[in-house]
């Protein structure tokens, strides 16, 4: 799948965002290595901590459908610069994405920044950190 197609999927997902409080819709599209695309939009709640970001919605949909390997992700919002993921999303990405997997951050004017989880969350807490503790 071409990056433009994945960006269009993310933009389409953005339209479904439930954002009555922030008025800040975000869309995401995640390409699994199986070829299937999983989209997500942010879903807010009056109890703000219960809000779920577009990135996590897409990742959780993919995981709940049995996907474990991913090729790339696009995240888009109507921002001046390409939209960066929040810290919670970065940690979830860290759990499921290869360190160098392409993550394309975009805005509605098609400005795109290519990053990966290694650059977004350096020196991150890894699942292997838990395993190290268990071996001692």
Protein backbone atom coordinates (compact mmCIF):
# COMPACT_ATOMS: atom_id res chain seq x y z
CA UNK A 1 0.00 0.00 0.00
CA UNK A 2 1.28 3.43 -0.96
CA UNK A 3 1.78 6.12 1.68
CA UNK A 4 -0.80 8.38 -0.01
CA UNK A 5 -3.45 5.66 0.30
CA UNK A 6 -2.63 5.18 3.97
CA UNK A 7 -2.76 8.96 4.52
CA UNK A 8 -6.20 9.06 2.86
CA UNK A 9 -7.36 6.25 5.17
CA UNK A 10 -6.16 8.25 8.18
CA UNK A 11 -7.92 11.39 6.92
CA UNK A 12 -11.13 9.41 6.43
CA UNK A 13 -10.84 7.98 9.96
CA UNK A 14 -10.40 11.51 11.33
CA UNK A 15 -13.95 12.30 10.19
CA UNK A 16 -15.31 9.80 12.72
CA UNK A 17 -13.60 11.41 15.73
CA UNK A 18 -15.75 12.06 18.78
CA UNK A 19 -14.26 15.30 20.12
CA UNK A 20 -16.99 17.39 21.83
CA UNK A 21 -14.54 18.79 24.41
CA UNK A 22 -11.29 19.54 22.58
CA UNK A 23 -12.63 19.96 19.04
CA UNK A 24 -9.31 18.35 18.03
CA UNK A 25 -9.96 15.38 15.71
CA UNK A 26 -7.13 12.99 14.91
CA UNK A 27 -7.07 10.07 12.50
CA UNK A 28 -4.69 7.15 12.22
CA UNK A 29 -4.15 4.29 9.80
CA UNK A 30 -1.99 1.28 10.59
CA UNK A 31 -0.81 -1.16 7.91
CA UNK A 32 -0.31 -4.69 9.18
CA UNK A 33 2.19 -6.97 7.46
CA UNK A 34 -0.84 -9.06 6.46
CA UNK A 35 -1.84 -6.18 4.18
CA UNK A 36 -4.89 -5.20 6.21
CA UNK A 37 -5.34 -1.56 7.24
CA UNK A 38 -6.70 -0.67 10.68
CA UNK A 39 -7.96 2.85 11.24
CA UNK A 40 -8.69 4.80 14.38
CA UNK A 41 -9.94 8.17 15.50
CA UNK A 42 -9.76 9.81 18.89
CA UNK A 43 -12.73 9.23 21.17
CA UNK A 44 -13.14 11.68 24.06
CA UNK A 45 -14.96 11.29 27.34
CA UNK A 46 -16.14 13.87 29.88
CA UNK A 47 -13.80 12.08 32.27
CA UNK A 48 -10.69 13.12 30.32
CA UNK A 49 -8.39 10.26 31.37
CA UNK A 50 -10.82 7.83 29.71
CA UNK A 51 -10.23 9.42 26.31
CA UNK A 52 -8.52 7.19 23.76
CA UNK A 53 -6.28 8.57 21.02
CA UNK A 54 -6.56 7.63 17.34
CA UNK A 55 -3.23 5.82 17.37
CA UNK A 56 -4.22 3.52 20.23
CA UNK A 57 -7.66 2.85 18.73
CA UNK A 58 -6.03 1.67 15.48
CA UNK A 59 -3.40 -0.41 17.30
CA UNK A 60 -5.93 -2.00 19.66
CA UNK A 61 -8.25 -2.86 16.75
CA UNK A 62 -5.35 -4.58 14.99
CA UNK A 63 -4.20 -6.46 18.09
CA UNK A 64 -7.76 -7.55 18.90
CA UNK A 65 -7.96 -9.00 15.38
CA UNK A 66 -4.85 -11.09 15.92
CA UNK A 67 -2.30 -8.87 14.17
CA UNK A 68 1.15 -8.71 15.73
CA UNK A 69 3.38 -7.43 12.92
CA UNK A 70 3.10 -4.02 11.33
CA UNK A 71 4.64 -2.22 8.35
CA UNK A 72 3.84 1.47 8.87
CA UNK A 73 1.46 3.97 10.43
CA UNK A 74 0.11 7.39 9.46
CA UNK A 75 -1.30 9.88 11.97
CA UNK A 76 -3.02 13.08 10.83
CA UNK A 77 -4.66 16.14 12.42
CA UNK A 78 -5.49 19.70 11.45
CA UNK A 79 -2.35 21.20 12.98
CA UNK A 80 0.29 23.67 11.86
CA UNK A 81 3.00 21.02 12.05
CA UNK A 82 2.74 17.25 11.59
CA UNK A 83 0.89 15.98 14.66
CA UNK A 84 3.07 14.26 17.29
CA UNK A 85 1.66 11.35 19.31
CA UNK A 86 1.16 11.74 23.06
CA UNK A 87 3.32 9.87 25.57
CA UNK A 88 0.76 7.12 26.19
CA UNK A 89 0.54 6.40 22.46
CA UNK A 90 4.32 6.35 22.18
CA UNK A 91 4.54 3.70 24.89
CA UNK A 92 1.85 1.58 23.22
CA UNK A 93 3.64 1.94 19.87
CA UNK A 94 6.82 0.87 21.63
CA UNK A 95 5.11 -2.32 22.78
CA UNK A 96 4.00 -3.38 19.30
CA UNK A 97 6.19 -1.70 16.66
CA UNK A 98 9.70 -2.54 15.52
CA UNK A 99 12.09 0.23 16.60
CA UNK A 100 12.66 1.36 12.99
CA UNK A 101 9.11 0.93 11.61
CA UNK A 102 8.09 4.06 9.65
CA UNK A 103 5.56 6.33 11.36
CA UNK A 104 4.35 9.20 9.20
CA UNK A 105 3.07 12.22 11.12
CA UNK A 106 0.98 14.57 8.98
CA UNK A 107 -1.31 17.57 8.95
CA UNK A 108 -4.21 18.46 6.66
CA UNK A 109 -1.93 20.40 4.30
CA UNK A 110 0.00 17.17 3.64
CA UNK A 111 3.16 18.21 5.45
CA UNK A 112 4.68 14.90 6.56
CA UNK A 113 7.41 14.03 9.04
CA UNK A 114 8.88 10.53 8.98
CA UNK A 115 9.83 9.16 12.40
CA UNK A 116 10.03 5.80 14.14
CA UNK A 117 9.40 4.73 17.71
CA UNK A 118 13.12 4.74 18.45
CA UNK A 119 13.26 8.48 17.68
CA UNK A 120 9.91 9.25 19.38
CA UNK A 121 10.70 7.41 22.60
CA UNK A 122 14.45 7.01 23.12
CA UNK A 123 15.71 4.87 25.99
CA UNK A 124 12.19 3.52 26.48
CA UNK A 125 10.93 0.93 28.91
CA UNK A 126 10.85 -2.35 26.97
CA UNK A 127 9.07 -5.67 27.50
CA UNK A 128 12.54 -7.20 27.79
CA UNK A 129 13.12 -5.05 30.89
CA UNK A 130 10.42 -7.10 32.63
CA UNK A 131 11.98 -10.35 31.46
CA UNK A 132 15.39 -9.32 32.83
CA UNK A 133 13.88 -8.97 36.30
CA UNK A 134 12.29 -12.40 36.16
CA UNK A 135 15.56 -14.17 35.30
CA UNK A 136 17.34 -13.02 38.44
